[in-house]
Structures are given as C-alpha cells and as structure tokens.
Amino acid sequence: MKAPRLVVCALVVLVLSGLRAGAQQPVTFPSGDGSASGILYLPQGSGPHPALIVIHEWWGLNDWIKQEAAGFAKQGYMALAVDLYHGKVADTPDMAHELSRGLPQDQGVRDLVAAFRYLQDRKDVQRNRIGAVGWCMGGGYAMQLSIAEPALKAVAINYGALATDKSALEKVHAAVLGNFGGQDHGIPPDAVHAFETAMQSIGKPVDVKIYPDASHAFENPNNKTGYRPDDAADALGRIDRFFAAELK
C-alpha cells in the first residue's frame, strides 16, 4: 500500500505545481487609510522570485496589460498588475482622459508604494529584487515610483512623463530603462534627452532609446494607427534583457 500512496502524493505535487505555473489571483493590500488592489501572476516554482510591479496605461487594467503581466510571470517574475482605477476600465479616449484626470498623483504613487511593500512582505519574493514597468500614464507613474521608493531596483519607462529636476532624480536608486517615440508630441525627444542628461550628470544608470518613426503608444497592439510591431518587439526585447540583468 505504501507505493501507491507515494505515487498519489507525487501526482498531487505535480498537479499543484502545474496549477501554480501561470496562475493568477486577485489581491488586496493596505494603502494609506484605505486599500489598493491588483492581479498577481504567479511564476513556476515556490521561489523566492524576483518581482515586477506592472502599471497600466490611461485605459486602466485591461486585457493587454494583463497579458503583459502574465508574460513576465512566465519568465519567472512574480508580476503584480496594480489597478490604479479601482475596478474601472476605459473603452473610449474620453473616458480614459476622465479616469486619468480623476486620479490624484499622490494616491497613485501611494498605491504603487503599497504594492511594493506587499511584494516585499511575501516569502516567495526576493525583497531586494523588485522592479517596475509601465506604459503611457503607467510609465509616468513608474518614474514617480522610482523617486518615492529608494529600494526599487529597476524601472522600465515606456513613453511616460519624465522628471528632470535633479533634486528629485537624486532620490532614484533604481537602474532606469526607457523606450520612446521620436514622433511623440506628448513626450518629445527633447524631453527624453533632457532626462538622460540630468541622470548622467548625477551619475545615475540610465539607458534610453528613441524610435525615430514611432509615435505615442507604439508598443500597444490595440493602437490601430500607431502600433509598430518591429519597434514594439525591439522595445520588449530591451525590457526583457534589462530585467534579466538587473533582477535575476
């Protein structure tokens, strides 16, 4: 009877491991006097794992951002896609504009810092190997998180608003990667160069790339007029190599 019992136990372990690989679960964590939430994507194995905070565009936590977070989990990261809009998702530019304007920046940053603390407290996360990645509005919040949280190890900013004030940038201790569009009128090349120069002048690690023919949101396949698959693939490859070098 002992042999069959061992076989059953082994099968249970394999099944549970398989369920964990790529699994996802909604999570809630304290943020200030309230709470914040998101979706946690679990990598293979018990860990501890490096982790990523995944920050959505002005559209909210939609299917594309969930897909990106799931992709990071498959690469071995504990990926937490934070819901800055607390359940709301835009399906028109007007609604996205309304939601983004209605989110106080201090609240957004507070929720992201709370997400960082939540990941640090998990036993299956390497607390000193946590990074962040964001696109559009989320790229700007990734920048702000790197200023607010000195223990953040790496941050990837995709066409997000940048800080150039040296007193703010002095607080950044994360390695910084940036991907931007040369035809982006919201985050123009001049702003990117000013950020890069400011970071370099104070000895901060920074790697930015401007894609000459790309406009804003060129990495998002839902952007029917501005998506550039070749540039998007290159940018994603840069992100993957960057986090592998900094967090693994």
Protein backbone atom coordinates (compact mmCIF):
# COMPACT_ATOMS: atom_id res chain seq x y z
CA MET A 1 0.00 0.00 0.00
CA LYS A 2 2.92 2.36 0.54
CA ALA A 3 3.97 2.59 -3.10
CA PRO A 4 0.55 3.70 -4.45
CA ARG A 5 0.27 6.31 -1.69
CA LEU A 6 3.65 7.75 -2.69
CA VAL A 7 2.56 7.84 -6.31
CA VAL A 8 -0.63 9.68 -5.39
CA CYS A 9 1.31 12.21 -3.31
CA ALA A 10 3.73 12.79 -6.18
CA LEU A 11 0.84 13.35 -8.58
CA VAL A 12 -0.76 15.85 -6.20
CA VAL A 13 2.51 17.81 -6.02
CA LEU A 14 2.81 17.82 -9.81
CA VAL A 15 -0.78 18.98 -10.24
CA LEU A 16 -0.38 21.78 -7.70
CA SER A 17 2.87 22.88 -9.34
CA GLY A 18 1.17 22.92 -12.71
CA LEU A 19 -1.69 25.00 -11.36
CA ARG A 20 0.74 27.48 -9.90
CA ALA A 21 2.64 28.00 -13.14
CA GLY A 22 0.94 30.93 -14.87
CA ALA A 23 -1.84 31.08 -12.29
CA GLN A 24 -3.35 34.41 -11.32
CA GLN A 25 -5.24 35.70 -8.33
CA PRO A 26 -6.85 38.99 -7.28
CA VAL A 27 -5.11 40.59 -4.31
CA THR A 28 -5.88 43.49 -1.99
CA PHE A 29 -3.36 45.25 0.23
CA PRO A 30 -3.35 48.26 2.60
CA SER A 31 -2.70 51.69 1.09
CA GLY A 32 -2.82 54.69 3.41
CA ASP A 33 -6.15 54.73 5.22
CA GLY A 34 -7.71 52.51 2.60
CA SER A 35 -6.69 49.69 0.31
CA ALA A 36 -5.42 49.05 -3.19
CA SER A 37 -5.80 46.03 -5.41
CA GLY A 38 -4.47 44.26 -8.45
CA ILE A 39 -3.94 40.89 -10.08
CA LEU A 40 -0.98 38.77 -9.05
CA TYR A 41 0.52 36.47 -11.69
CA LEU A 42 2.49 33.55 -10.26
CA PRO A 43 5.62 32.07 -11.83
CA GLN A 44 6.65 28.42 -11.81
CA GLY A 45 8.01 27.05 -8.53
CA SER A 46 7.94 28.06 -4.90
CA GLY A 47 10.56 30.81 -5.16
CA PRO A 48 11.61 33.15 -3.83
CA HIS A 49 11.29 35.01 -7.14
CA PRO A 50 12.25 38.45 -8.40
CA ALA A 51 9.13 40.59 -8.78
CA LEU A 52 7.68 43.26 -11.04
CA ILE A 53 5.03 45.91 -10.48
CA VAL A 54 3.17 46.27 -13.80
CA ILE A 55 1.50 49.67 -14.30
CA HIS A 56 -1.29 50.20 -16.81
CA GLU A 57 -1.88 52.95 -19.36
CA TRP A 58 -4.60 55.56 -19.03
CA TRP A 59 -7.08 52.92 -20.24
CA GLY A 60 -6.88 51.03 -16.95
CA LEU A 61 -6.12 47.41 -16.12
CA ASN A 62 -7.30 45.96 -19.42
CA ASP A 63 -6.58 42.71 -21.24
CA TRP A 64 -3.36 43.91 -22.86
CA ILE A 65 -1.76 44.85 -19.54
CA LYS A 66 -2.92 41.55 -18.06
CA GLN A 67 -1.31 39.77 -21.00
CA GLU A 68 1.98 41.61 -20.42
CA ALA A 69 1.93 40.76 -16.71
CA ALA A 70 1.25 37.09 -17.48
CA GLY A 71 4.19 37.13 -19.88
CA PHE A 72 6.53 38.38 -17.17
CA ALA A 73 5.31 35.64 -14.84
CA LYS A 74 6.18 33.03 -17.46
CA GLN A 75 9.71 34.42 -17.40
CA GLY A 76 9.98 33.76 -13.68
CA TYR A 77 8.83 37.05 -12.13
CA MET A 78 6.12 37.49 -9.53
CA ALA A 79 4.13 40.05 -11.52
CA LEU A 80 1.64 42.34 -9.77
CA ALA A 81 -0.57 44.31 -12.15
CA VAL A 82 -1.85 47.16 -9.98
CA ASP A 83 -5.33 48.56 -10.60
CA LEU A 84 -4.95 52.32 -10.10
CA TYR A 85 -8.57 52.93 -11.15
CA HIS A 86 -10.03 50.53 -8.57
CA GLY A 87 -12.05 48.45 -10.99
CA LYS A 88 -12.78 50.94 -13.77
CA VAL A 89 -11.54 50.39 -17.34
CA ALA A 90 -11.98 52.86 -20.19
CA ASP A 91 -13.13 51.88 -23.66
CA THR A 92 -13.02 55.37 -25.22
CA PRO A 93 -10.36 58.10 -25.19
CA ASP A 94 -12.79 60.47 -23.47
CA MET A 95 -13.37 58.02 -20.64
CA ALA A 96 -9.64 57.30 -20.36
CA HIS A 97 -8.98 61.03 -20.14
CA GLU A 98 -11.64 61.39 -17.44
CA LEU A 99 -10.27 58.49 -15.39
CA SER A 100 -6.66 59.63 -15.63
CA ARG A 101 -7.55 63.22 -14.70
CA GLY A 102 -9.60 61.94 -11.77
CA LEU A 103 -6.66 60.02 -10.26
CA PRO A 104 -4.68 62.22 -7.84
CA GLN A 105 -0.99 61.59 -8.41
CA ASP A 106 -0.27 61.20 -4.70
CA GLN A 107 -2.94 58.48 -4.48
CA GLY A 108 -1.49 56.64 -7.48
CA VAL A 109 2.03 56.77 -6.08
CA ARG A 110 0.77 55.70 -2.65
CA ASP A 111 -0.95 52.65 -4.15
CA LEU A 112 2.23 51.70 -6.03
CA VAL A 113 4.42 52.06 -2.95
CA ALA A 114 1.86 49.91 -1.12
CA ALA A 115 2.19 47.31 -3.89
CA PHE A 116 5.95 47.36 -3.43
CA ARG A 117 5.56 46.78 0.32
CA TYR A 118 3.07 43.97 -0.35
CA LEU A 119 5.57 42.20 -2.59
CA GLN A 120 8.40 42.74 -0.11
CA ASP A 121 6.36 41.04 2.61
CA ARG A 122 5.73 37.89 0.57
CA LYS A 123 8.02 34.99 1.43
CA ASP A 124 8.03 33.84 -2.20
CA VAL A 125 9.51 37.18 -3.39
CA GLN A 126 13.14 38.27 -3.28
CA ARG A 127 12.61 41.54 -1.42
CA ASN A 128 15.78 43.15 -2.81
CA ARG A 129 14.94 42.29 -6.43
CA ILE A 130 11.74 44.18 -7.21
CA GLY A 131 11.30 46.30 -10.33
CA ALA A 132 8.53 48.18 -12.11
CA VAL A 133 7.38 48.64 -15.69
CA GLY A 134 4.76 50.98 -17.09
CA TRP A 135 3.40 52.35 -20.35
CA CYS A 136 1.97 55.80 -21.15
CA MET A 137 0.41 57.07 -17.90
CA GLY A 138 1.87 53.98 -16.24
CA GLY A 139 5.31 54.92 -17.50
CA GLY A 140 4.99 58.26 -15.74
CA TYR A 141 3.91 56.51 -12.56
CA ALA A 142 6.85 54.11 -12.88
CA MET A 143 9.08 57.20 -12.91
CA GLN A 144 7.34 58.58 -9.80
CA LEU A 145 7.58 55.22 -8.01
CA SER A 146 11.34 55.16 -8.59
CA ILE A 147 11.56 58.56 -6.87
CA ALA A 148 9.26 57.60 -3.99
CA GLU A 149 10.71 54.15 -3.29
CA PRO A 150 14.53 54.06 -2.98
CA ALA A 151 14.59 50.26 -2.62
CA LEU A 152 13.15 49.75 -6.13
CA LYS A 153 15.94 48.03 -8.07
CA ALA A 154 15.00 48.56 -11.73
CA VAL A 155 12.38 50.51 -13.67
CA ALA A 156 11.34 50.42 -17.34
CA ILE A 157 9.56 53.55 -18.57
CA ASN A 158 7.69 53.32 -21.87
CA TYR A 159 6.73 56.73 -23.28
CA GLY A 160 5.83 58.04 -19.82
CA ALA A 161 6.24 61.53 -18.36
CA LEU A 162 9.77 62.11 -17.09
CA ALA A 163 11.27 64.06 -14.22
CA THR A 164 14.24 66.33 -14.88
CA ASP A 165 14.63 68.10 -11.53
CA LYS A 166 17.93 66.89 -10.13
CA SER A 167 16.75 67.05 -6.53
CA ALA A 168 14.02 64.54 -7.44
CA LEU A 169 16.29 62.37 -9.56
CA GLU A 170 18.81 62.17 -6.73
CA LYS A 171 16.22 60.01 -4.94
CA VAL A 172 16.25 57.43 -7.73
CA HIS A 173 18.37 54.40 -6.87
CA ALA A 174 16.91 52.06 -9.50
CA ALA A 175 18.56 51.35 -12.82
CA VAL A 176 16.40 53.04 -15.49
CA LEU A 177 15.48 51.87 -18.99
CA GLY A 178 13.37 53.99 -21.31
CA ASN A 179 11.68 53.44 -24.69
CA PHE A 180 10.24 56.46 -26.50
CA GLY A 181 8.85 57.52 -29.87
CA GLY A 182 10.57 60.12 -31.99
CA GLN A 183 7.18 61.36 -33.24
CA ASP A 184 5.60 61.52 -29.77
CA HIS A 185 4.39 65.08 -29.21
CA GLY A 186 3.49 64.42 -25.57
CA ILE A 187 6.93 63.08 -24.58
CA PRO A 188 9.12 64.63 -27.33
CA PRO A 189 12.76 63.66 -27.93
CA ASP A 190 13.96 66.91 -26.35
CA ALA A 191 12.33 65.90 -23.05
CA VAL A 192 13.91 62.46 -23.27
CA HIS A 193 17.36 63.91 -23.91
CA ALA A 194 16.94 66.37 -21.02
CA PHE A 195 16.07 63.49 -18.70
CA GLU A 196 19.01 61.40 -19.91
CA THR A 197 21.42 64.31 -19.48
CA ALA A 198 20.14 65.09 -16.00
CA MET A 199 20.50 61.45 -14.92
CA GLN A 200 24.00 61.16 -16.34
CA SER A 201 25.10 64.41 -14.70
CA ILE A 202 24.41 62.94 -11.25
CA GLY A 203 25.86 59.52 -12.03
CA LYS A 204 22.57 57.60 -12.28
CA PRO A 205 22.38 54.49 -14.53
CA VAL A 206 20.10 55.19 -17.48
CA ASP A 207 19.55 53.59 -20.90
CA VAL A 208 17.07 55.29 -23.22
CA LYS A 209 16.20 54.59 -26.82
CA ILE A 210 14.18 56.76 -29.16
CA TYR A 211 12.49 55.04 -32.12
CA PRO A 212 12.61 57.72 -34.85
CA ASP A 213 9.40 56.86 -36.72
CA ALA A 214 7.29 55.84 -33.73
CA SER A 215 4.63 57.95 -32.05
CA HIS A 216 3.00 57.56 -28.63
CA ALA A 217 1.83 54.08 -27.55
CA PHE A 218 3.69 52.36 -30.38
CA GLU A 219 4.04 49.17 -28.29
CA ASN A 220 0.30 48.64 -27.82
CA PRO A 221 -1.25 46.37 -30.50
CA ASN A 222 -4.65 47.94 -29.79
CA ASN A 223 -3.33 51.27 -31.11
CA LYS A 224 -4.67 50.82 -34.64
CA THR A 225 -2.96 53.89 -36.10
CA GLY A 226 0.33 53.96 -34.22
CA TYR A 227 1.30 50.37 -33.38
CA ARG A 228 4.71 49.47 -34.80
CA PRO A 229 5.30 45.74 -34.39
CA ASP A 230 9.02 45.77 -35.19
CA ASP A 231 9.75 48.66 -32.81
CA ALA A 232 7.48 47.08 -30.18
CA ALA A 233 9.33 43.77 -30.42
CA ASP A 234 12.67 45.55 -30.09
CA ALA A 235 11.46 47.52 -27.06
CA LEU A 236 10.12 44.39 -25.38
CA GLY A 237 13.42 42.64 -26.01
CA ARG A 238 15.23 45.54 -24.36
CA ILE A 239 12.91 45.29 -21.36
CA ASP A 240 13.39 41.54 -21.04
CA ARG A 241 17.19 41.79 -21.19
CA PHE A 242 17.21 44.73 -18.79
CA PHE A 243 15.20 42.98 -16.08
CA ALA A 244 17.13 39.74 -16.56
CA ALA A 245 20.37 41.64 -15.94
CA GLU A 246 19.11 43.74 -13.02
CA LEU A 247 16.75 41.37 -11.19
CA LYS A 248 17.90 37.82 -11.90
